[in-house]
Amino acid sequence: MKIYSTVLLLFLGTFCFAQSVINNYKYVIVPKQFEKFRSENQYKTSTMVKFYLSKQGINAFYDDALPLELDSDRCLALYTKLDEQSNLFSTKVAIVFEDCKGEEQYRTQMGSSKTKEYVKAYREAISEAFSSLSSFQYAYAESENNSPVVLNFKDDVKKLPPPPPPAVEPEPEAVEDTAESTQEQQDKEESALLPMPEEQTEAVTLQDAVAEVAENEPVFLGTLYAQKTETGFQLVDTTPSIQFYLNETSLPNVFVAERKGQTGLLFLRDDIWIFEFYQGADRIQEELQIKF
């Protein structure tokens, strides 16, 4: 009984520590190519790490599509690395979170797999590593500096300035002119505050919202053609140009979909393929025409 209690306390302590650390950061950055790998997104490692982070509700971005806020303050984000300890018999990885100074803030448990196929092995190992955060609820806790501001005027004033000259009372006519001028200025300011008549606001369409997320890049809305990959499919247009990467899930006709930094779910509903993703706090659904 004591052993079970000890294990439970250790688990709760690790979970609370992870939540208190990660919630202090607004973003988590995933490199397109982890260290010790020869190519970009080798064995789908970057895709899987970003997927599991997004699944926990964390604001995850690739290192080649950083939020604009990080241009002025890189310390708003945590930066992920893979602690690779694989050998000839098994694949072993842990996900490490470092701050902007390169100091480790948190690491997951070590996930492992004995599968011989590399893509499946890394998928299983990364999935097991992220089980450390299975009950984690992300909520960004913006730090507030509540320390009082102390003003010190010591030695700021060396010599008092001479007193101002006595005010000269204006003539009665000048007082009237000043009053009229003040009243005229107030009338102009009040009229400037009146709302413009018949003001209309144009509704934002789904296509406009998707275009804004993609940073003014055109979004292909025609027929897409599925091409088989190791982990699912890739959807291409008639150019041909790859528009989506699809990773299979355990559910039929449900895929983890990724497009130009957007990650969401692609599923079939009433014979219509729906791509569902989040834009900030808004959940957006987009219909796609796909030929498998």
C-alpha atoms as a PDB file:
ATOM      1  CA  MET A   1       0.000   0.000   0.000  1.00  0.00           C
ATOM      2  CA  LYS A   2       2.855   2.362   0.838  1.00  0.00           C
ATOM      3  CA  ILE A   3       4.473   1.652  -2.545  1.00  0.00           C
ATOM      4  CA  TYR A   4       1.273   2.576  -4.435  1.00  0.00           C
ATOM      5  CA  SER A   5       0.922   5.753  -2.376  1.00  0.00           C
ATOM      6  CA  THR A   6       4.518   6.725  -3.116  1.00  0.00           C
ATOM      7  CA  VAL A   7       4.087   6.150  -6.856  1.00  0.00           C
ATOM      8  CA  LEU A   8       0.862   8.176  -6.855  1.00  0.00           C
ATOM      9  CA  LEU A   9       2.521  11.075  -5.023  1.00  0.00           C
ATOM     10  CA  LEU A  10       5.438  11.043  -7.467  1.00  0.00           C
ATOM     11  CA  PHE A  11       3.054  11.087 -10.432  1.00  0.00           C
ATOM     12  CA  LEU A  12       0.994  13.948  -9.008  1.00  0.00           C
ATOM     13  CA  GLY A  13       4.135  15.889  -8.181  1.00  0.00           C
ATOM     14  CA  THR A  14       5.510  15.486 -11.705  1.00  0.00           C
ATOM     15  CA  PHE A  15       2.155  16.450 -13.260  1.00  0.00           C
ATOM     16  CA  CYS A  16       1.755  19.564 -11.102  1.00  0.00           C
ATOM     17  CA  PHE A  17       5.345  20.582 -11.829  1.00  0.00           C
ATOM     18  CA  ALA A  18       4.791  20.247 -15.596  1.00  0.00           C
ATOM     19  CA  GLN A  19       1.590  22.268 -15.428  1.00  0.00           C
ATOM     20  CA  SER A  20       3.178  25.046 -13.376  1.00  0.00           C
ATOM     21  CA  VAL A  21       6.170  25.254 -15.750  1.00  0.00           C
ATOM     22  CA  ILE A  22       4.578  24.985 -19.198  1.00  0.00           C
ATOM     23  CA  ASN A  23       1.683  27.289 -18.318  1.00  0.00           C
ATOM     24  CA  ASN A  24       4.206  30.096 -17.789  1.00  0.00           C
ATOM     25  CA  TYR A  25       4.992  30.139 -21.521  1.00  0.00           C
ATOM     26  CA  LYS A  26       2.741  31.336 -24.333  1.00  0.00           C
ATOM     27  CA  TYR A  27       4.240  29.184 -27.096  1.00  0.00           C
ATOM     28  CA  VAL A  28       6.174  25.960 -27.601  1.00  0.00           C
ATOM     29  CA  ILE A  29       8.481  25.803 -30.636  1.00  0.00           C
ATOM     30  CA  VAL A  30       9.203  22.562 -32.514  1.00  0.00           C
ATOM     31  CA  PRO A  31      12.228  22.409 -34.846  1.00  0.00           C
ATOM     32  CA  LYS A  32      11.628  21.127 -38.365  1.00  0.00           C
ATOM     33  CA  GLN A  33      14.783  19.031 -37.916  1.00  0.00           C
ATOM     34  CA  PHE A  34      15.833  17.674 -34.534  1.00  0.00           C
ATOM     35  CA  GLU A  35      19.488  17.199 -33.657  1.00  0.00           C
ATOM     36  CA  LYS A  36      21.066  13.860 -34.645  1.00  0.00           C
ATOM     37  CA  PHE A  37      18.701  13.542 -37.617  1.00  0.00           C
ATOM     38  CA  ARG A  38      19.997  13.814 -41.168  1.00  0.00           C
ATOM     39  CA  SER A  39      16.937  15.356 -42.820  1.00  0.00           C
ATOM     40  CA  GLU A  40      13.974  17.597 -42.072  1.00  0.00           C
ATOM     41  CA  ASN A  41      11.098  15.899 -40.229  1.00  0.00           C
ATOM     42  CA  GLN A  42      12.882  12.541 -40.503  1.00  0.00           C
ATOM     43  CA  TYR A  43      10.639   9.638 -39.462  1.00  0.00           C
ATOM     44  CA  LYS A  44       7.853  12.246 -38.949  1.00  0.00           C
ATOM     45  CA  THR A  45       9.360  13.209 -35.585  1.00  0.00           C
ATOM     46  CA  SER A  46       8.618  16.948 -35.869  1.00  0.00           C
ATOM     47  CA  THR A  47       5.066  16.293 -37.068  1.00  0.00           C
ATOM     48  CA  MET A  48       4.325  13.921 -34.208  1.00  0.00           C
ATOM     49  CA  VAL A  49       5.787  16.162 -31.483  1.00  0.00           C
ATOM     50  CA  LYS A  50       3.793  19.158 -32.758  1.00  0.00           C
ATOM     51  CA  PHE A  51       0.654  17.017 -33.022  1.00  0.00           C
ATOM     52  CA  TYR A  52       0.809  15.820 -29.419  1.00  0.00           C
ATOM     53  CA  LEU A  53       1.530  19.354 -28.163  1.00  0.00           C
ATOM     54  CA  SER A  54      -1.455  20.742 -30.069  1.00  0.00           C
ATOM     55  CA  LYS A  55      -3.568  17.848 -28.779  1.00  0.00           C
ATOM     56  CA  GLN A  56      -2.878  19.098 -25.234  1.00  0.00           C
ATOM     57  CA  GLY A  57      -4.079  22.580 -26.254  1.00  0.00           C
ATOM     58  CA  ILE A  58      -0.563  24.049 -26.297  1.00  0.00           C
ATOM     59  CA  ASN A  59       0.242  26.794 -28.828  1.00  0.00           C
ATOM     60  CA  ALA A  60       2.838  24.860 -30.841  1.00  0.00           C
ATOM     61  CA  PHE A  61       4.659  26.311 -33.874  1.00  0.00           C
ATOM     62  CA  TYR A  62       7.448  25.148 -36.153  1.00  0.00           C
ATOM     63  CA  ASP A  63      10.720  27.067 -35.954  1.00  0.00           C
ATOM     64  CA  ASP A  64      10.289  28.360 -39.515  1.00  0.00           C
ATOM     65  CA  ALA A  65       6.856  29.923 -38.797  1.00  0.00           C
ATOM     66  CA  LEU A  66       7.335  31.733 -35.484  1.00  0.00           C
ATOM     67  CA  PRO A  67       4.704  34.104 -34.042  1.00  0.00           C
ATOM     68  CA  LEU A  68       5.569  37.788 -34.507  1.00  0.00           C
ATOM     69  CA  GLU A  69       5.708  38.304 -30.725  1.00  0.00           C
ATOM     70  CA  LEU A  70       8.869  36.197 -30.530  1.00  0.00           C
ATOM     71  CA  ASP A  71      10.743  38.719 -32.709  1.00  0.00           C
ATOM     72  CA  SER A  72      10.807  41.087 -29.740  1.00  0.00           C
ATOM     73  CA  ASP A  73      10.729  38.558 -26.880  1.00  0.00           C
ATOM     74  CA  ARG A  74      12.004  35.003 -27.480  1.00  0.00           C
ATOM     75  CA  CYS A  75      11.456  34.190 -23.810  1.00  0.00           C
ATOM     76  CA  LEU A  76       7.691  33.887 -24.308  1.00  0.00           C
ATOM     77  CA  ALA A  77       8.310  30.377 -25.658  1.00  0.00           C
ATOM     78  CA  LEU A  78       9.733  27.014 -24.682  1.00  0.00           C
ATOM     79  CA  TYR A  79      11.893  25.194 -27.237  1.00  0.00           C
ATOM     80  CA  THR A  80      11.684  21.414 -27.667  1.00  0.00           C
ATOM     81  CA  LYS A  81      14.485  18.918 -28.163  1.00  0.00           C
ATOM     82  CA  LEU A  82      14.583  15.127 -28.413  1.00  0.00           C
ATOM     83  CA  ASP A  83      16.723  13.286 -25.892  1.00  0.00           C
ATOM     84  CA  GLU A  84      17.682  10.364 -28.157  1.00  0.00           C
ATOM     85  CA  GLN A  85      18.871   7.229 -26.323  1.00  0.00           C
ATOM     86  CA  SER A  86      18.061   4.560 -28.934  1.00  0.00           C
ATOM     87  CA  ASN A  87      20.145   1.427 -29.382  1.00  0.00           C
ATOM     88  CA  LEU A  88      20.205  -1.599 -31.685  1.00  0.00           C
ATOM     89  CA  PHE A  89      17.247  -3.217 -29.938  1.00  0.00           C
ATOM     90  CA  SER A  90      14.850  -0.342 -29.204  1.00  0.00           C
ATOM     91  CA  THR A  91      13.996   3.268 -29.970  1.00  0.00           C
ATOM     92  CA  LYS A  92      14.057   5.508 -26.884  1.00  0.00           C
ATOM     93  CA  VAL A  93      13.269   9.238 -26.761  1.00  0.00           C
ATOM     94  CA  ALA A  94      12.164  11.879 -24.276  1.00  0.00           C
ATOM     95  CA  ILE A  95      10.944  15.375 -25.094  1.00  0.00           C
ATOM     96  CA  VAL A  96      12.928  18.148 -23.408  1.00  0.00           C
ATOM     97  CA  PHE A  97      11.612  21.703 -22.931  1.00  0.00           C
ATOM     98  CA  GLU A  98      14.208  24.499 -22.702  1.00  0.00           C
ATOM     99  CA  ASP A  99      13.764  28.237 -22.181  1.00  0.00           C
ATOM    100  CA  CYS A 100      15.224  31.025 -24.314  1.00  0.00           C
ATOM    101  CA  LYS A 101      18.536  30.734 -22.433  1.00  0.00           C
ATOM    102  CA  GLY A 102      18.875  27.035 -23.233  1.00  0.00           C
ATOM    103  CA  GLU A 103      18.148  25.974 -19.659  1.00  0.00           C
ATOM    104  CA  GLU A 104      16.045  22.833 -19.228  1.00  0.00           C
ATOM    105  CA  GLN A 105      12.658  23.522 -17.629  1.00  0.00           C
ATOM    106  CA  TYR A 106      10.926  20.154 -18.005  1.00  0.00           C
ATOM    107  CA  ARG A 107      11.319  16.761 -19.665  1.00  0.00           C
ATOM    108  CA  THR A 108       8.845  13.968 -20.255  1.00  0.00           C
ATOM    109  CA  GLN A 109       9.347  10.350 -19.272  1.00  0.00           C
ATOM    110  CA  MET A 110      11.419   8.183 -21.602  1.00  0.00           C
ATOM    111  CA  GLY A 111       9.239   6.533 -24.250  1.00  0.00           C
ATOM    112  CA  SER A 112      10.426   3.377 -25.989  1.00  0.00           C
ATOM    113  CA  SER A 113       9.483   1.009 -28.794  1.00  0.00           C
ATOM    114  CA  LYS A 114      10.965  -2.240 -30.109  1.00  0.00           C
ATOM    115  CA  THR A 115       9.312  -1.937 -33.522  1.00  0.00           C
ATOM    116  CA  LYS A 116      11.816  -2.348 -36.340  1.00  0.00           C
ATOM    117  CA  GLU A 117      10.168   0.142 -38.723  1.00  0.00           C
ATOM    118  CA  TYR A 118      11.511   3.573 -37.823  1.00  0.00           C
ATOM    119  CA  VAL A 119       8.391   5.671 -38.455  1.00  0.00           C
ATOM    120  CA  LYS A 120       6.200   3.394 -36.330  1.00  0.00           C
ATOM    121  CA  ALA A 121       8.911   3.064 -33.679  1.00  0.00           C
ATOM    122  CA  TYR A 122       9.277   6.830 -33.217  1.00  0.00           C
ATOM    123  CA  ARG A 123       5.516   7.249 -33.232  1.00  0.00           C
ATOM    124  CA  GLU A 124       5.135   4.724 -30.406  1.00  0.00           C
ATOM    125  CA  ALA A 125       8.067   6.128 -28.426  1.00  0.00           C
ATOM    126  CA  ILE A 126       6.934   9.762 -28.722  1.00  0.00           C
ATOM    127  CA  SER A 127       3.353   8.775 -27.844  1.00  0.00           C
ATOM    128  CA  GLU A 128       4.570   6.992 -24.699  1.00  0.00           C
ATOM    129  CA  ALA A 129       6.762   9.960 -23.770  1.00  0.00           C
ATOM    130  CA  PHE A 130       3.780  12.327 -24.005  1.00  0.00           C
ATOM    131  CA  SER A 131       1.749  10.124 -21.677  1.00  0.00           C
ATOM    132  CA  SER A 132       3.487  12.152 -18.946  1.00  0.00           C
ATOM    133  CA  LEU A 133       1.175  15.004 -20.004  1.00  0.00           C
ATOM    134  CA  SER A 134      -1.964  12.915 -20.553  1.00  0.00           C
ATOM    135  CA  SER A 135      -3.886  14.755 -17.801  1.00  0.00           C
ATOM    136  CA  PHE A 136      -2.221  18.104 -18.401  1.00  0.00           C
ATOM    137  CA  GLN A 137      -4.551  21.080 -18.944  1.00  0.00           C
ATOM    138  CA  TYR A 138      -2.757  23.973 -20.647  1.00  0.00           C
ATOM    139  CA  ALA A 139      -3.757  27.509 -19.673  1.00  0.00           C
ATOM    140  CA  TYR A 140      -1.274  30.301 -20.306  1.00  0.00           C
ATOM    141  CA  ALA A 141      -0.643  32.209 -17.069  1.00  0.00           C
ATOM    142  CA  GLU A 142       0.718  35.575 -18.153  1.00  0.00           C
ATOM    143  CA  SER A 143       3.242  36.811 -15.633  1.00  0.00           C
ATOM    144  CA  GLU A 144       2.422  40.086 -13.932  1.00  0.00           C
ATOM    145  CA  ASN A 145       4.979  42.332 -12.341  1.00  0.00           C
ATOM    146  CA  ASN A 146       3.157  43.642  -9.275  1.00  0.00           C
ATOM    147  CA  SER A 147       6.213  45.113  -7.530  1.00  0.00           C
ATOM    148  CA  PRO A 148       5.628  48.767  -6.552  1.00  0.00           C
ATOM    149  CA  VAL A 149       7.355  51.486  -8.515  1.00  0.00           C
ATOM    150  CA  VAL A 150       9.734  53.454  -6.281  1.00  0.00           C
ATOM    151  CA  LEU A 151      10.503  57.001  -7.320  1.00  0.00           C
ATOM    152  CA  ASN A 152      13.690  58.568  -5.980  1.00  0.00           C
ATOM    153  CA  PHE A 153      14.027  62.303  -6.426  1.00  0.00           C
ATOM    154  CA  LYS A 154      17.198  62.621  -4.405  1.00  0.00           C
ATOM    155  CA  ASP A 155      19.572  65.249  -5.830  1.00  0.00           C
ATOM    156  CA  ASP A 156      17.226  65.692  -8.824  1.00  0.00           C
ATOM    157  CA  VAL A 157      16.559  69.360  -7.970  1.00  0.00           C
ATOM    158  CA  LYS A 158      19.692  71.379  -7.431  1.00  0.00           C
ATOM    159  CA  LYS A 159      18.148  74.840  -7.459  1.00  0.00           C
ATOM    160  CA  LEU A 160      14.594  76.092  -7.269  1.00  0.00           C
ATOM    161  CA  PRO A 161      13.453  78.018 -10.374  1.00  0.00           C
ATOM    162  CA  PRO A 162      12.444  81.669  -9.958  1.00  0.00           C
ATOM    163  CA  PRO A 163       8.759  82.287  -9.202  1.00  0.00           C
ATOM    164  CA  PRO A 164       6.551  82.952 -12.254  1.00  0.00           C
ATOM    165  CA  PRO A 165       5.526  86.562 -12.974  1.00  0.00           C
ATOM    166  CA  PRO A 166       2.092  87.638 -11.674  1.00  0.00           C
ATOM    167  CA  ALA A 167      -0.782  86.858 -13.970  1.00  0.00           C
ATOM    168  CA  VAL A 168      -2.265  89.755 -15.926  1.00  0.00           C
ATOM    169  CA  GLU A 169      -6.034  89.847 -15.899  1.00  0.00           C
ATOM    170  CA  PRO A 170      -7.416  90.131 -19.457  1.00  0.00           C
ATOM    171  CA  GLU A 171      -9.775  92.873 -20.518  1.00  0.00           C
ATOM    172  CA  PRO A 172     -13.515  91.988 -20.494  1.00  0.00           C
ATOM    173  CA  GLU A 173     -13.648  91.860 -24.319  1.00  0.00           C
ATOM    174  CA  ALA A 174     -10.693  89.455 -24.383  1.00  0.00           C
ATOM    175  CA  VAL A 175     -12.460  87.235 -21.815  1.00  0.00           C
ATOM    176  CA  GLU A 176     -15.575  87.091 -24.008  1.00  0.00           C
ATOM    177  CA  ASP A 177     -13.521  86.263 -27.115  1.00  0.00           C
ATOM    178  CA  THR A 178     -11.744  83.509 -25.209  1.00  0.00           C
ATOM    179  CA  ALA A 179     -15.053  82.053 -23.971  1.00  0.00           C
ATOM    180  CA  GLU A 180     -16.514  82.061 -27.479  1.00  0.00           C
ATOM    181  CA  SER A 181     -13.371  80.405 -28.861  1.00  0.00           C
ATOM    182  CA  THR A 182     -13.511  77.724 -26.132  1.00  0.00           C
ATOM    183  CA  GLN A 183     -17.204  77.053 -26.788  1.00  0.00           C
ATOM    184  CA  GLU A 184     -16.560  76.799 -30.539  1.00  0.00           C
ATOM    185  CA  GLN A 185     -13.724  74.295 -29.931  1.00  0.00           C
ATOM    186  CA  GLN A 186     -15.987  72.183 -27.658  1.00  0.00           C
ATOM    187  CA  ASP A 187     -18.721  72.155 -30.340  1.00  0.00           C
ATOM    188  CA  LYS A 188     -16.192  70.909 -32.913  1.00  0.00           C
ATOM    189  CA  GLU A 189     -14.967  68.146 -30.573  1.00  0.00           C
ATOM    190  CA  GLU A 190     -18.516  67.008 -29.754  1.00  0.00           C
ATOM    191  CA  SER A 191     -19.467  66.938 -33.430  1.00  0.00           C
ATOM    192  CA  ALA A 192     -16.349  64.880 -34.170  1.00  0.00           C
ATOM    193  CA  LEU A 193     -17.507  62.281 -31.624  1.00  0.00           C
ATOM    194  CA  LEU A 194     -20.885  61.749 -33.300  1.00  0.00           C
ATOM    195  CA  PRO A 195     -21.158  58.372 -35.085  1.00  0.00           C
ATOM    196  CA  MET A 196     -21.062  58.334 -38.853  1.00  0.00           C
ATOM    197  CA  PRO A 197     -24.539  57.664 -40.373  1.00  0.00           C
ATOM    198  CA  GLU A 198     -25.372  54.344 -42.035  1.00  0.00           C
ATOM    199  CA  GLU A 199     -22.095  52.735 -41.038  1.00  0.00           C
ATOM    200  CA  GLN A 200     -21.929  49.130 -42.265  1.00  0.00           C
ATOM    201  CA  THR A 201     -19.605  46.288 -41.331  1.00  0.00           C
ATOM    202  CA  GLU A 202     -18.838  43.672 -43.934  1.00  0.00           C
ATOM    203  CA  ALA A 203     -19.145  40.096 -42.658  1.00  0.00           C
ATOM    204  CA  VAL A 204     -15.957  38.000 -42.602  1.00  0.00           C
ATOM    205  CA  THR A 205     -16.373  34.835 -44.625  1.00  0.00           C
ATOM    206  CA  LEU A 206     -14.781  31.461 -43.937  1.00  0.00           C
ATOM    207  CA  GLN A 207     -12.512  31.899 -46.966  1.00  0.00           C
ATOM    208  CA  ASP A 208     -11.294  35.275 -45.643  1.00  0.00           C
ATOM    209  CA  ALA A 209     -10.595  33.769 -42.208  1.00  0.00           C
ATOM    210  CA  VAL A 210      -8.576  30.909 -43.717  1.00  0.00           C
ATOM    211  CA  ALA A 211      -6.638  33.337 -45.904  1.00  0.00           C
ATOM    212  CA  GLU A 212      -5.772  35.458 -42.851  1.00  0.00           C
ATOM    213  CA  VAL A 213      -4.457  32.413 -40.964  1.00  0.00           C
ATOM    214  CA  ALA A 214      -2.221  31.497 -43.900  1.00  0.00           C
ATOM    215  CA  GLU A 215      -0.749  35.033 -43.827  1.00  0.00           C
ATOM    216  CA  ASN A 216      -2.365  36.166 -47.066  1.00  0.00           C
ATOM    217  CA  GLU A 217      -1.209  33.058 -48.948  1.00  0.00           C
ATOM    218  CA  PRO A 218      -3.852  31.641 -51.345  1.00  0.00           C
ATOM    219  CA  VAL A 219      -5.762  28.595 -50.064  1.00  0.00           C
ATOM    220  CA  PHE A 220      -6.562  25.934 -52.673  1.00  0.00           C
ATOM    221  CA  LEU A 221     -10.278  25.106 -52.557  1.00  0.00           C
ATOM    222  CA  GLY A 222     -10.594  22.904 -55.700  1.00  0.00           C
ATOM    223  CA  THR A 223     -10.399  19.127 -56.036  1.00  0.00           C
ATOM    224  CA  LEU A 224      -7.496  17.473 -54.210  1.00  0.00           C
ATOM    225  CA  TYR A 225      -6.016  14.069 -55.057  1.00  0.00           C
ATOM    226  CA  ALA A 226      -4.766  11.655 -52.383  1.00  0.00           C
ATOM    227  CA  GLN A 227      -1.355  10.012 -52.719  1.00  0.00           C
ATOM    228  CA  LYS A 228      -0.369   7.208 -50.335  1.00  0.00           C
ATOM    229  CA  THR A 229       2.504   7.829 -47.859  1.00  0.00           C
ATOM    230  CA  GLU A 230       4.072   5.795 -45.045  1.00  0.00           C
ATOM    231  CA  THR A 231       1.772   7.264 -42.386  1.00  0.00           C
ATOM    232  CA  GLY A 232      -1.314   8.106 -44.441  1.00  0.00           C
ATOM    233  CA  PHE A 233      -1.714  10.336 -47.472  1.00  0.00           C
ATOM    234  CA  GLN A 234      -0.660  13.611 -48.984  1.00  0.00           C
ATOM    235  CA  LEU A 235      -3.216  15.726 -50.860  1.00  0.00           C
ATOM    236  CA  VAL A 236      -2.059  17.462 -54.025  1.00  0.00           C
ATOM    237  CA  ASP A 237      -3.729  19.838 -56.471  1.00  0.00           C
ATOM    238  CA  THR A 238      -3.478  19.847 -60.254  1.00  0.00           C
ATOM    239  CA  THR A 239      -0.218  21.878 -60.268  1.00  0.00           C
ATOM    240  CA  PRO A 240       0.815  19.445 -58.695  1.00  0.00           C
ATOM    241  CA  SER A 241       1.518  21.006 -55.289  1.00  0.00           C
ATOM    242  CA  ILE A 242       1.141  19.368 -51.867  1.00  0.00           C
ATOM    243  CA  GLN A 243      -1.663  21.079 -49.925  1.00  0.00           C
ATOM    244  CA  PHE A 244      -2.126  18.688 -46.950  1.00  0.00           C
ATOM    245  CA  TYR A 245      -0.279  15.946 -45.077  1.00  0.00           C
ATOM    246  CA  LEU A 246      -2.627  13.334 -43.561  1.00  0.00           C
ATOM    247  CA  ASN A 247      -1.672  10.948 -40.754  1.00  0.00           C
ATOM    248  CA  GLU A 248      -3.931   7.949 -40.119  1.00  0.00           C
ATOM    249  CA  THR A 249      -5.677   7.479 -36.763  1.00  0.00           C
ATOM    250  CA  SER A 250      -7.331   4.464 -35.159  1.00  0.00           C
ATOM    251  CA  LEU A 251     -10.723   5.679 -36.427  1.00  0.00           C
ATOM    252  CA  PRO A 252     -11.938   5.092 -40.008  1.00  0.00           C
ATOM    253  CA  ASN A 253     -12.124   8.187 -42.225  1.00  0.00           C
ATOM    254  CA  VAL A 254     -10.466  10.355 -39.563  1.00  0.00           C
ATOM    255  CA  PHE A 255      -6.998  11.836 -40.162  1.00  0.00           C
ATOM    256  CA  VAL A 256      -4.678  14.259 -38.417  1.00  0.00           C
ATOM    257  CA  ALA A 257      -4.298  16.942 -41.109  1.00  0.00           C
ATOM    258  CA  GLU A 258      -1.586  19.565 -41.478  1.00  0.00           C
ATOM    259  CA  ARG A 259      -1.528  22.500 -43.913  1.00  0.00           C
ATOM    260  CA  LYS A 260       0.963  25.419 -43.922  1.00  0.00           C
ATOM    261  CA  GLY A 261       1.376  25.481 -40.146  1.00  0.00           C
ATOM    262  CA  GLN A 262      -2.308  24.674 -39.431  1.00  0.00           C
ATOM    263  CA  THR A 263      -3.007  21.391 -37.666  1.00  0.00           C
ATOM    264  CA  GLY A 264      -6.474  19.902 -37.273  1.00  0.00           C
ATOM    265  CA  LEU A 265      -8.685  16.913 -38.033  1.00  0.00           C
ATOM    266  CA  LEU A 266      -9.967  15.729 -41.421  1.00  0.00           C
ATOM    267  CA  PHE A 267     -13.073  13.552 -41.242  1.00  0.00           C
ATOM    268  CA  LEU A 268     -15.947  12.347 -43.426  1.00  0.00           C
ATOM    269  CA  ARG A 269     -19.430  13.548 -42.531  1.00  0.00           C
ATOM    270  CA  ASP A 270     -22.454  12.903 -44.771  1.00  0.00           C
ATOM    271  CA  ASP A 271     -20.120  12.049 -47.710  1.00  0.00           C
ATOM    272  CA  ILE A 272     -18.355  15.431 -47.297  1.00  0.00           C
ATOM    273  CA  TRP A 273     -14.750  15.763 -46.138  1.00  0.00           C
ATOM    274  CA  ILE A 274     -14.413  18.383 -43.370  1.00  0.00           C
ATOM    275  CA  PHE A 275     -11.116  19.989 -42.278  1.00  0.00           C
ATOM    276  CA  GLU A 276     -11.568  21.302 -38.724  1.00  0.00           C
ATOM    277  CA  PHE A 277      -8.974  23.511 -37.030  1.00  0.00           C
ATOM    278  CA  TYR A 278      -8.650  26.322 -34.504  1.00  0.00           C
ATOM    279  CA  GLN A 279      -7.909  29.956 -35.262  1.00  0.00           C
ATOM    280  CA  GLY A 280      -7.193  31.393 -31.833  1.00  0.00           C
ATOM    281  CA  ALA A 281     -10.311  30.573 -29.782  1.00  0.00           C
ATOM    282  CA  ASP A 282     -12.478  30.038 -32.890  1.00  0.00           C
ATOM    283  CA  ARG A 283     -13.109  26.561 -34.294  1.00  0.00           C
ATOM    284  CA  ILE A 284     -13.332  26.613 -38.101  1.00  0.00           C
ATOM    285  CA  GLN A 285     -14.664  23.909 -40.426  1.00  0.00           C
ATOM    286  CA  GLU A 286     -13.783  23.850 -44.114  1.00  0.00           C
ATOM    287  CA  GLU A 287     -15.294  21.535 -46.751  1.00  0.00           C
ATOM    288  CA  LEU A 288     -12.862  19.829 -49.130  1.00  0.00           C
ATOM    289  CA  GLN A 289     -13.274  17.916 -52.375  1.00  0.00           C
ATOM    290  CA  ILE A 290     -10.963  14.888 -52.245  1.00  0.00           C
ATOM    291  CA  LYS A 291     -10.476  11.944 -54.576  1.00  0.00           C
ATOM    292  CA  PHE A 292      -8.810   8.898 -52.987  1.00  0.00           C
END
